[in-house]
Amino acid sequence: MSLNDTFKALSDPTRRRILDLLKERDMSAGDIADHFQMSKPSISHHLNLLKQAELVLDERHGQHIMYSLNTTVFQELMKWVLQFNGEGKDRQ
């Protein structure tokens, strides 16, 4: 996981909204697109960036690809962020 890719993916409000949707349940690209007023290729671009950052996983189910959150990356990200909580205080 690259933190740069993760932060780049999280910097966009559309991608954060996609993550919020996937928090509720796994969804196909079409299901996700139904929540936005943008083209399906644009949604696909956002999903690809989220996949590159390893924030979402995709799995083929018949003719559909289902997207889900990769909670492992969120756990690693939180671990990285939490290392700044208190550790820096000891160095002052």
N, C-alpha and C. Protein backbone atom coordinates (compact mmCIF):
# COMPACT_ATOMS: atom_id res chain seq x y z
N MET A 1 0.85 -1.19 0.00
CA MET A 1 0.00 0.00 0.00
C MET A 1 0.88 1.24 0.00
N SER A 2 0.58 2.17 -0.86
CA SER A 2 1.27 3.44 -0.90
C SER A 2 0.39 4.49 -0.23
N LEU A 3 0.92 5.13 0.80
CA LEU A 3 0.13 6.17 1.46
C LEU A 3 -0.20 7.31 0.51
N ASN A 4 0.71 7.59 -0.43
CA ASN A 4 0.42 8.65 -1.41
C ASN A 4 -0.81 8.30 -2.22
N ASP A 5 -0.91 7.04 -2.70
CA ASP A 5 -2.09 6.61 -3.45
C ASP A 5 -3.34 6.68 -2.59
N THR A 6 -3.20 6.28 -1.34
CA THR A 6 -4.35 6.30 -0.42
C THR A 6 -4.86 7.71 -0.22
N PHE A 7 -3.95 8.64 0.09
CA PHE A 7 -4.38 10.01 0.33
C PHE A 7 -4.90 10.66 -0.95
N LYS A 8 -4.31 10.34 -2.09
CA LYS A 8 -4.82 10.87 -3.36
C LYS A 8 -6.25 10.39 -3.59
N ALA A 9 -6.48 9.10 -3.35
CA ALA A 9 -7.83 8.55 -3.54
C ALA A 9 -8.83 9.18 -2.58
N LEU A 10 -8.41 9.42 -1.35
CA LEU A 10 -9.31 9.98 -0.34
C LEU A 10 -9.54 11.48 -0.52
N SER A 11 -8.72 12.14 -1.33
CA SER A 11 -8.82 13.60 -1.48
C SER A 11 -10.03 14.03 -2.30
N ASP A 12 -10.64 13.11 -3.01
CA ASP A 12 -11.76 13.47 -3.89
C ASP A 12 -13.10 13.16 -3.24
N PRO A 13 -14.02 14.13 -3.21
CA PRO A 13 -15.32 13.90 -2.55
C PRO A 13 -16.15 12.80 -3.20
N THR A 14 -16.05 12.63 -4.52
CA THR A 14 -16.79 11.55 -5.17
C THR A 14 -16.29 10.20 -4.68
N ARG A 15 -14.98 10.03 -4.59
CA ARG A 15 -14.43 8.76 -4.12
C ARG A 15 -14.77 8.52 -2.65
N ARG A 16 -14.79 9.57 -1.85
CA ARG A 16 -15.19 9.39 -0.45
C ARG A 16 -16.66 8.97 -0.37
N ARG A 17 -17.50 9.51 -1.24
CA ARG A 17 -18.93 9.12 -1.25
C ARG A 17 -19.07 7.67 -1.69
N ILE A 18 -18.27 7.24 -2.66
CA ILE A 18 -18.29 5.82 -3.07
C ILE A 18 -17.92 4.94 -1.89
N LEU A 19 -16.91 5.33 -1.13
CA LEU A 19 -16.52 4.54 0.05
C LEU A 19 -17.64 4.50 1.07
N ASP A 20 -18.34 5.63 1.24
CA ASP A 20 -19.49 5.65 2.16
C ASP A 20 -20.57 4.67 1.71
N LEU A 21 -20.82 4.62 0.40
CA LEU A 21 -21.82 3.69 -0.12
C LEU A 21 -21.39 2.24 0.12
N LEU A 22 -20.12 1.96 -0.10
CA LEU A 22 -19.62 0.59 0.07
C LEU A 22 -19.55 0.19 1.54
N LYS A 23 -19.54 1.18 2.41
CA LYS A 23 -19.58 0.89 3.85
C LYS A 23 -20.88 0.20 4.22
N GLU A 24 -21.95 0.57 3.49
CA GLU A 24 -23.27 0.00 3.76
C GLU A 24 -23.42 -1.42 3.21
N ARG A 25 -22.89 -1.64 1.97
CA ARG A 25 -23.00 -2.97 1.35
C ARG A 25 -22.12 -3.01 0.11
N ASP A 26 -21.80 -4.22 -0.33
CA ASP A 26 -21.09 -4.41 -1.58
C ASP A 26 -22.02 -4.00 -2.72
N MET A 27 -21.43 -3.42 -3.77
CA MET A 27 -22.25 -2.91 -4.87
C MET A 27 -21.54 -3.13 -6.20
N SER A 28 -22.34 -3.20 -7.27
CA SER A 28 -21.80 -3.23 -8.62
C SER A 28 -21.53 -1.79 -9.06
N ALA A 29 -20.77 -1.63 -10.13
CA ALA A 29 -20.49 -0.30 -10.66
C ALA A 29 -21.79 0.41 -11.05
N GLY A 30 -22.74 -0.34 -11.61
CA GLY A 30 -24.02 0.24 -11.98
C GLY A 30 -24.80 0.73 -10.78
N ASP A 31 -24.79 -0.05 -9.70
CA ASP A 31 -25.46 0.37 -8.46
C ASP A 31 -24.83 1.66 -7.92
N ILE A 32 -23.51 1.71 -7.97
CA ILE A 32 -22.80 2.91 -7.50
C ILE A 32 -23.15 4.10 -8.38
N ALA A 33 -23.13 3.89 -9.69
CA ALA A 33 -23.40 4.98 -10.64
C ALA A 33 -24.80 5.56 -10.44
N ASP A 34 -25.74 4.75 -10.00
CA ASP A 34 -27.11 5.23 -9.77
C ASP A 34 -27.18 6.33 -8.71
N HIS A 35 -26.15 6.46 -7.87
CA HIS A 35 -26.14 7.46 -6.81
C HIS A 35 -25.48 8.78 -7.24
N PHE A 36 -25.06 8.85 -8.50
CA PHE A 36 -24.34 10.03 -8.97
C PHE A 36 -24.94 10.52 -10.29
N GLN A 37 -24.75 11.79 -10.55
CA GLN A 37 -25.16 12.36 -11.83
C GLN A 37 -23.91 12.57 -12.68
N MET A 38 -23.26 11.47 -13.03
CA MET A 38 -22.09 11.52 -13.89
C MET A 38 -22.07 10.25 -14.72
N SER A 39 -21.24 10.25 -15.73
CA SER A 39 -21.21 9.11 -16.65
C SER A 39 -20.63 7.87 -15.98
N LYS A 40 -21.02 6.72 -16.50
CA LYS A 40 -20.48 5.46 -15.98
C LYS A 40 -18.98 5.35 -16.18
N PRO A 41 -18.42 5.86 -17.31
CA PRO A 41 -16.96 5.84 -17.42
C PRO A 41 -16.26 6.68 -16.34
N SER A 42 -16.89 7.78 -15.91
CA SER A 42 -16.33 8.58 -14.82
C SER A 42 -16.33 7.80 -13.52
N ILE A 43 -17.42 7.09 -13.24
CA ILE A 43 -17.49 6.25 -12.04
C ILE A 43 -16.43 5.16 -12.12
N SER A 44 -16.27 4.57 -13.28
CA SER A 44 -15.25 3.54 -13.49
C SER A 44 -13.86 4.08 -13.20
N HIS A 45 -13.58 5.31 -13.61
CA HIS A 45 -12.29 5.94 -13.34
C HIS A 45 -12.07 6.08 -11.83
N HIS A 46 -13.09 6.55 -11.12
CA HIS A 46 -12.99 6.69 -9.67
C HIS A 46 -12.77 5.32 -9.01
N LEU A 47 -13.49 4.32 -9.46
CA LEU A 47 -13.32 2.97 -8.90
C LEU A 47 -11.91 2.44 -9.16
N ASN A 48 -11.37 2.72 -10.34
CA ASN A 48 -10.01 2.27 -10.64
C ASN A 48 -8.98 2.92 -9.72
N LEU A 49 -9.16 4.21 -9.43
CA LEU A 49 -8.24 4.88 -8.51
C LEU A 49 -8.36 4.30 -7.10
N LEU A 50 -9.58 3.99 -6.69
CA LEU A 50 -9.78 3.37 -5.38
C LEU A 50 -9.16 1.97 -5.33
N LYS A 51 -9.25 1.24 -6.44
CA LYS A 51 -8.62 -0.09 -6.51
C LYS A 51 -7.10 0.03 -6.47
N GLN A 52 -6.54 1.00 -7.21
CA GLN A 52 -5.09 1.19 -7.20
C GLN A 52 -4.58 1.51 -5.81
N ALA A 53 -5.37 2.25 -5.06
CA ALA A 53 -5.01 2.59 -3.68
C ALA A 53 -5.33 1.45 -2.73
N GLU A 54 -5.90 0.38 -3.26
CA GLU A 54 -6.27 -0.82 -2.49
C GLU A 54 -7.33 -0.54 -1.44
N LEU A 55 -8.11 0.52 -1.64
CA LEU A 55 -9.19 0.83 -0.72
C LEU A 55 -10.44 0.02 -1.00
N VAL A 56 -10.58 -0.45 -2.25
CA VAL A 56 -11.70 -1.31 -2.60
C VAL A 56 -11.18 -2.56 -3.29
N LEU A 57 -11.95 -3.61 -3.16
CA LEU A 57 -11.67 -4.89 -3.81
C LEU A 57 -12.78 -5.14 -4.83
N ASP A 58 -12.46 -5.86 -5.88
CA ASP A 58 -13.49 -6.22 -6.85
C ASP A 58 -13.48 -7.72 -7.06
N GLU A 59 -14.68 -8.26 -7.24
CA GLU A 59 -14.83 -9.70 -7.43
C GLU A 59 -15.95 -9.94 -8.43
N ARG A 60 -15.66 -10.77 -9.41
CA ARG A 60 -16.66 -11.06 -10.44
C ARG A 60 -17.72 -12.02 -9.88
N HIS A 61 -18.98 -11.65 -10.11
CA HIS A 61 -20.13 -12.49 -9.77
C HIS A 61 -20.97 -12.60 -11.04
N GLY A 62 -20.75 -13.65 -11.80
CA GLY A 62 -21.44 -13.79 -13.07
C GLY A 62 -21.02 -12.70 -14.03
N GLN A 63 -21.99 -11.93 -14.51
CA GLN A 63 -21.69 -10.85 -15.44
C GLN A 63 -21.34 -9.54 -14.74
N HIS A 64 -21.47 -9.50 -13.43
CA HIS A 64 -21.24 -8.26 -12.68
C HIS A 64 -19.94 -8.35 -11.89
N ILE A 65 -19.34 -7.20 -11.69
CA ILE A 65 -18.20 -7.08 -10.79
C ILE A 65 -18.70 -6.37 -9.55
N MET A 66 -18.53 -7.01 -8.41
CA MET A 66 -18.97 -6.43 -7.15
C MET A 66 -17.79 -5.77 -6.45
N TYR A 67 -18.03 -4.58 -5.94
CA TYR A 67 -17.00 -3.82 -5.24
C TYR A 67 -17.29 -3.84 -3.75
N SER A 68 -16.22 -3.94 -2.97
CA SER A 68 -16.35 -3.94 -1.51
C SER A 68 -15.17 -3.18 -0.90
N LEU A 69 -15.34 -2.75 0.33
CA LEU A 69 -14.26 -2.06 1.04
C LEU A 69 -13.16 -3.05 1.40
N ASN A 70 -11.93 -2.60 1.31
CA ASN A 70 -10.80 -3.37 1.79
C ASN A 70 -10.46 -2.81 3.17
N THR A 71 -11.05 -3.38 4.19
CA THR A 71 -10.90 -2.83 5.54
C THR A 71 -9.46 -2.96 6.05
N THR A 72 -8.68 -3.87 5.51
CA THR A 72 -7.29 -4.02 5.93
C THR A 72 -6.52 -2.73 5.70
N VAL A 73 -6.74 -2.08 4.57
CA VAL A 73 -6.04 -0.84 4.26
C VAL A 73 -6.47 0.26 5.23
N PHE A 74 -7.75 0.30 5.57
CA PHE A 74 -8.21 1.31 6.53
C PHE A 74 -7.59 1.07 7.90
N GLN A 75 -7.44 -0.19 8.29
CA GLN A 75 -6.79 -0.50 9.56
C GLN A 75 -5.33 -0.06 9.55
N GLU A 76 -4.63 -0.31 8.45
CA GLU A 76 -3.24 0.11 8.33
C GLU A 76 -3.12 1.63 8.34
N LEU A 77 -4.05 2.31 7.68
CA LEU A 77 -4.04 3.76 7.65
C LEU A 77 -4.27 4.32 9.05
N MET A 78 -5.22 3.75 9.78
CA MET A 78 -5.49 4.22 11.14
C MET A 78 -4.29 3.95 12.06
N LYS A 79 -3.65 2.84 11.89
CA LYS A 79 -2.45 2.53 12.66
C LYS A 79 -1.38 3.58 12.42
N TRP A 80 -1.21 3.97 11.15
CA TRP A 80 -0.22 4.99 10.80
C TRP A 80 -0.59 6.33 11.44
N VAL A 81 -1.87 6.72 11.35
CA VAL A 81 -2.31 8.00 11.91
C VAL A 81 -2.17 8.00 13.43
N LEU A 82 -2.55 6.90 14.06
CA LEU A 82 -2.53 6.85 15.52
C LEU A 82 -1.13 6.86 16.11
N GLN A 83 -0.13 6.56 15.30
CA GLN A 83 1.23 6.59 15.83
C GLN A 83 1.64 8.01 16.23
N PHE A 84 0.93 9.01 15.71
CA PHE A 84 1.23 10.40 16.04
C PHE A 84 0.53 10.84 17.32
N ASN A 85 -0.38 10.03 17.81
CA ASN A 85 -1.13 10.35 19.02
C ASN A 85 -0.31 9.98 20.24
N GLY A 86 0.35 10.95 20.83
CA GLY A 86 1.09 10.70 22.06
C GLY A 86 2.56 10.44 21.86
N GLU A 87 2.96 9.82 20.76
CA GLU A 87 4.36 9.49 20.57
C GLU A 87 5.21 10.75 20.49
N GLY A 88 4.74 11.76 19.79
CA GLY A 88 5.49 13.00 19.65
C GLY A 88 5.62 13.77 20.94
N LYS A 89 4.69 13.57 21.88
CA LYS A 89 4.71 14.27 23.16
C LYS A 89 5.95 13.92 23.97
N ASP A 90 6.42 12.68 23.84
CA ASP A 90 7.58 12.23 24.61
C ASP A 90 8.87 12.89 24.14
N ARG A 91 8.87 13.42 22.93
CA ARG A 91 10.08 13.99 22.37
C ARG A 91 10.22 15.48 22.68
N GLN A 92 9.24 16.07 23.29
CA GLN A 92 9.29 17.52 23.53
C GLN A 92 10.19 17.85 24.68
